[in-house]
Each structure stands twice: as structure tokens, then as C-alpha cells.
Amino acid sequence: MNKKFCLSSTDKKLGGVCGGIAEYFDIDPLLVRIGFVILVTGFGTGVLAYILLWLLAPRCNEI
């Protein structure tokens, strides 16, 4: 199985990053979003990680 990470075009709230991660790992997107909230509030790295993934990851329809 050859899976590639991409931004979700169907399950997105802001940029599709959390939806894309959830689709890649086949988990609930809510868990990924909670993880990003913990990273933002606890460590402050979630915002930078989200922005980098949003800018660098391809959209699912481009693959």
C-alpha cells in the first residue's frame, strides 16, 4: 500500500492539515485537532507545525 500525505479537500476546517493527517493514519480528525490544540497551548509548536504543513504539503487533488 503506497500512501502519501496530502491536505484533505473534504475534511478541513482551516487548511486541511488535520484532516489530511487523520486520513493518512486512518484515525478520527478530532483526535488530531485535539493534539494540535495541546501542542499550541502546551508547547507553542503547534502553530508553526500547522503553518509549515499547510504551506509545504500537496493538496490531495494534485497527487
Protein backbone atom coordinates (compact mmCIF):
# COMPACT_ATOMS: atom_id res chain seq x y z
CA MET A 1 0.00 0.00 0.00
CA ASN A 2 1.55 3.26 -1.13
CA LYS A 3 0.02 6.08 0.93
CA LYS A 4 1.14 9.68 0.63
CA PHE A 5 0.28 12.54 2.93
CA CYS A 6 -1.74 15.36 1.41
CA LEU A 7 -4.05 18.11 2.58
CA SER A 8 -7.63 16.96 2.85
CA SER A 9 -10.07 18.57 0.48
CA THR A 10 -13.15 17.07 2.14
CA ASP A 11 -12.42 17.24 5.88
CA LYS A 12 -10.98 20.66 6.55
CA LYS A 13 -11.69 23.45 8.98
CA LEU A 14 -8.85 25.79 8.11
CA GLY A 15 -6.33 24.33 5.70
CA GLY A 16 -6.96 20.60 5.66
CA VAL A 17 -3.83 19.67 7.61
CA CYS A 18 -5.57 17.83 10.46
CA GLY A 19 -7.93 16.11 8.05
CA GLY A 20 -5.00 15.01 5.89
CA ILE A 21 -3.10 13.63 8.88
CA ALA A 22 -6.23 11.80 10.03
CA GLU A 23 -6.77 10.29 6.58
CA TYR A 24 -3.12 9.22 6.36
CA PHE A 25 -3.13 7.46 9.74
CA ASP A 26 -6.80 6.36 9.41
CA ILE A 27 -7.88 7.97 12.71
CA ASP A 28 -10.57 10.41 13.78
CA PRO A 29 -9.75 14.01 12.74
CA LEU A 30 -10.98 15.25 16.10
CA LEU A 31 -8.09 13.45 17.81
CA VAL A 32 -5.59 15.18 15.52
CA ARG A 33 -7.20 18.56 16.17
CA ILE A 34 -7.05 17.98 19.93
CA GLY A 35 -3.38 17.08 19.52
CA PHE A 36 -2.69 20.35 17.72
CA VAL A 37 -4.51 22.30 20.45
CA ILE A 38 -2.33 20.60 23.06
CA LEU A 39 0.80 21.45 21.07
CA VAL A 40 -0.27 25.08 20.73
CA THR A 41 -1.24 25.61 24.35
CA GLY A 42 1.35 23.38 25.99
CA PHE A 43 4.47 23.78 23.91
CA GLY A 44 3.74 26.55 21.40
CA THR A 45 5.00 24.48 18.47
CA GLY A 46 1.61 23.58 17.01
CA VAL A 47 1.14 26.88 15.17
CA LEU A 48 4.50 26.63 13.41
CA ALA A 49 3.97 22.95 12.56
CA TYR A 50 0.48 23.63 11.18
CA ILE A 51 1.65 26.54 9.04
CA LEU A 52 4.62 24.59 7.66
CA LEU A 53 2.46 21.59 6.79
CA TRP A 54 -0.16 23.87 5.22
CA LEU A 55 2.44 25.55 3.01
CA LEU A 56 4.55 22.53 2.09
CA ALA A 57 2.11 19.63 1.77
CA PRO A 58 0.45 19.00 -1.57
CA ARG A 59 -3.30 19.09 -1.98
CA CYS A 60 -4.94 15.69 -2.47
CA ASN A 61 -6.20 16.58 -5.93
CA GLU A 62 -2.64 17.47 -7.07
CA ILE A 63 -1.26 13.97 -6.41
